[in-house]
Protein backbone atom coordinates (compact mmCIF):
# COMPACT_ATOMS: atom_id res chain seq x y z
CA MET A 1 321.00 122.55 107.90
CA SER A 2 324.20 124.04 106.65
CA ARG A 3 327.47 122.26 107.12
CA ARG A 4 328.89 125.05 109.34
CA ILE A 5 326.03 124.74 111.82
CA VAL A 6 326.39 120.96 112.03
CA VAL A 7 330.14 121.27 112.64
CA SER A 8 329.61 124.01 115.27
CA VAL A 9 326.97 121.97 117.11
CA ALA A 10 329.17 118.85 117.03
CA ALA A 11 332.15 120.80 118.42
CA GLY A 12 329.97 122.23 121.19
CA VAL A 13 328.75 118.76 122.16
CA VAL A 14 332.33 117.47 122.31
CA VAL A 15 333.47 120.41 124.51
CA LEU A 16 330.50 120.13 126.89
CA GLY A 17 330.84 116.34 127.07
CA GLY A 18 334.54 116.65 127.94
CA ALA A 19 333.84 119.24 130.65
CA GLY A 20 331.14 117.02 132.13
CA ALA A 21 333.43 113.98 132.19
CA PHE A 22 336.15 116.04 133.88
CA ALA A 23 333.68 117.29 136.51
CA LEU A 24 332.49 113.75 137.25
CA ALA A 25 336.06 112.44 137.52
CA TYR A 26 337.01 115.28 139.86
CA ALA A 27 333.93 114.79 142.05
CA GLY A 28 334.68 111.07 142.35
CA ASP A 29 338.20 111.68 143.72
CA GLN A 30 337.48 114.28 146.38
CA SER A 31 339.16 113.99 149.76
CA PRO A 32 337.07 112.90 152.73
CA ALA A 33 335.32 115.86 154.31
CA PRO A 34 333.89 116.21 157.82
CA ALA A 35 330.96 118.67 158.04
CA HIS A 36 328.26 119.83 160.45
CA SER A 37 330.49 118.98 163.42
CA ALA A 38 329.22 119.68 166.92
CA ALA A 39 330.63 119.13 170.42
CA ARG A 40 328.77 119.12 173.73
CA TYR A 41 330.43 119.17 177.13
CA THR A 42 328.59 118.70 180.41
CA ALA A 43 330.54 119.16 183.65
CA PRO A 44 330.15 116.62 186.45
CA ASP A 45 327.99 117.70 189.40
CA ALA A 46 326.62 116.39 192.69
CA GLY A 47 328.14 112.94 192.45
CA ARG A 48 327.27 112.41 188.78
CA ASP A 49 329.78 112.13 185.96
CA GLY A 50 329.69 114.68 183.18
CA SER A 51 330.01 113.88 179.52
CA PHE A 52 331.61 114.83 176.25
CA ALA A 53 329.83 114.11 172.97
CA PHE A 54 330.94 114.89 169.43
CA THR A 55 329.19 114.27 166.11
CA THR A 56 330.20 114.93 162.52
CA ASP A 57 328.98 113.98 159.08
CA VAL A 58 331.69 112.56 156.82
CA SER A 59 331.47 112.28 153.05
CA ALA A 60 334.09 110.49 150.99
CA SER A 61 334.34 109.00 147.52
CA SER A 62 336.03 105.92 149.04
CA GLU A 63 334.87 103.91 152.06
CA VAL A 64 335.81 105.50 155.40
CA LYS A 65 338.40 103.44 157.27
CA SER A 66 338.60 105.50 160.48
CA VAL A 67 337.61 108.76 162.10
CA LYS A 68 339.84 109.86 164.99
CA VAL A 69 338.70 112.52 167.47
CA LEU A 70 340.86 114.57 169.84
CA ALA A 71 339.68 117.36 172.15
CA TRP A 72 342.44 119.85 172.97
CA PRO A 73 342.56 123.08 175.01
CA GLU A 74 343.18 126.41 173.30
CA LYS A 75 346.00 127.09 175.77
CA SER A 76 348.18 124.12 174.84
CA SER A 77 351.26 123.33 172.79
CA PHE A 78 349.01 122.40 169.85
CA ALA A 79 347.93 126.05 169.58
CA LYS A 80 351.53 127.11 169.02
CA GLN A 81 352.98 124.13 167.13
CA GLY A 82 349.89 123.07 165.23
CA LEU A 83 348.25 119.67 165.38
CA THR A 84 349.37 117.00 162.87
CA ALA A 85 348.02 113.66 161.68
CA LYS A 86 350.85 112.02 163.66
CA ASP A 87 349.50 113.64 166.86
CA MET A 88 346.15 112.00 166.12
CA ALA A 89 347.55 108.44 165.98
CA SER A 90 346.52 107.57 169.54
CA ALA A 91 343.28 109.60 169.53
CA GLU A 92 339.94 107.91 170.16
CA SER A 93 338.09 106.40 167.23
CA ALA A 94 334.57 107.59 166.53
CA VAL A 95 331.78 105.15 165.72
CA CYS A 96 330.43 105.73 162.20
CA LYS A 97 327.16 104.59 160.65
CA PRO A 98 325.94 105.06 157.07
CA SER A 99 323.71 108.12 156.61
CA GLY A 100 322.90 107.81 152.92
CA GLY A 101 324.92 108.03 149.71
CA ASP A 102 328.63 108.45 150.39
CA GLY A 103 327.94 109.89 153.85
CA GLN A 104 328.39 108.61 157.37
CA ARG A 105 327.37 110.03 160.75
CA CYS A 106 330.25 109.63 163.23
CA THR A 107 329.98 110.02 167.01
CA ASP A 108 332.35 109.93 169.95
CA LYS A 109 331.18 109.91 173.56
CA ALA A 110 333.10 109.86 176.83
CA ALA A 111 332.29 110.14 180.51
CA VAL A 112 333.93 113.03 182.36
CA THR A 113 334.67 112.33 186.03
CA ARG A 114 335.14 115.01 188.67
CA ALA A 115 338.89 114.22 188.70
CA ASP A 116 339.00 114.64 184.90
CA ALA A 117 337.25 117.99 185.12
CA GLU A 118 339.42 119.29 187.98
CA GLY A 119 342.61 118.32 186.14
CA SER A 120 341.56 119.90 182.83
CA PRO A 121 342.39 123.46 181.79
CA LYS A 122 339.43 125.82 181.89
CA GLY A 123 338.38 127.85 178.88
CA LEU A 124 337.99 127.21 175.17
CA TRP A 125 338.66 123.73 173.77
CA HIS A 126 338.75 122.58 170.14
CA VAL A 127 337.94 119.19 168.65
CA ALA A 128 340.23 117.85 165.93
CA VAL A 129 339.06 115.20 163.47
CA LEU A 130 341.22 112.97 161.27
CA VAL A 131 339.33 111.09 158.55
CA THR A 132 341.10 108.25 156.72
CA THR A 133 339.60 106.32 153.82
CA LYS A 134 340.39 102.75 152.78
CA ASP A 135 342.28 104.03 149.73
CA GLY A 136 344.61 106.09 151.96
CA ASP A 137 343.20 109.62 151.58
CA THR A 138 343.20 111.66 154.79
CA THR A 139 341.74 114.95 155.93
CA LEU A 140 342.64 116.67 159.19
CA ASP A 141 340.35 119.39 160.56
CA THR A 142 342.07 120.76 163.66
CA LYS A 143 339.12 122.91 164.72
CA ALA A 144 336.05 120.97 163.63
CA ALA A 145 334.08 122.12 166.70
CA ASP A 146 334.57 124.07 169.93
CA PHE A 147 333.29 123.87 173.49
CA THR A 148 334.05 125.58 176.80
CA VAL A 149 335.13 124.03 180.08
CA ALA A 150 334.05 126.31 182.91
């Protein structure tokens, strides 16, 4: 093999190896990400409470510390001002269980009484999710899922 070919092949290996190392380093430091989020609302009826249920899959390169969930009506101050991580401080915490690899399945459930339903605005609602990892990374998805209160 000629010397030029050997040098060219060696340079190519170095470039590809560096790009691969960069890709692995970048993938390892990605922010936590909620995905496949879904919300289900059932109104109370005939003496029975209704329910609210939310699920999301969370992937993170670091261990998940907390997942906060907040349902908010489209016609609220959050729609105008925007929802922040600070607004999520007192939100309910979801329960998370490992779902393989770096993923967790997180759920939040709540009973909805007739008084709750009567006092709630009708129409479109959004569900916000704040994911925090043990190394301090956070991701806020203000419209992870939607549901309607009729």
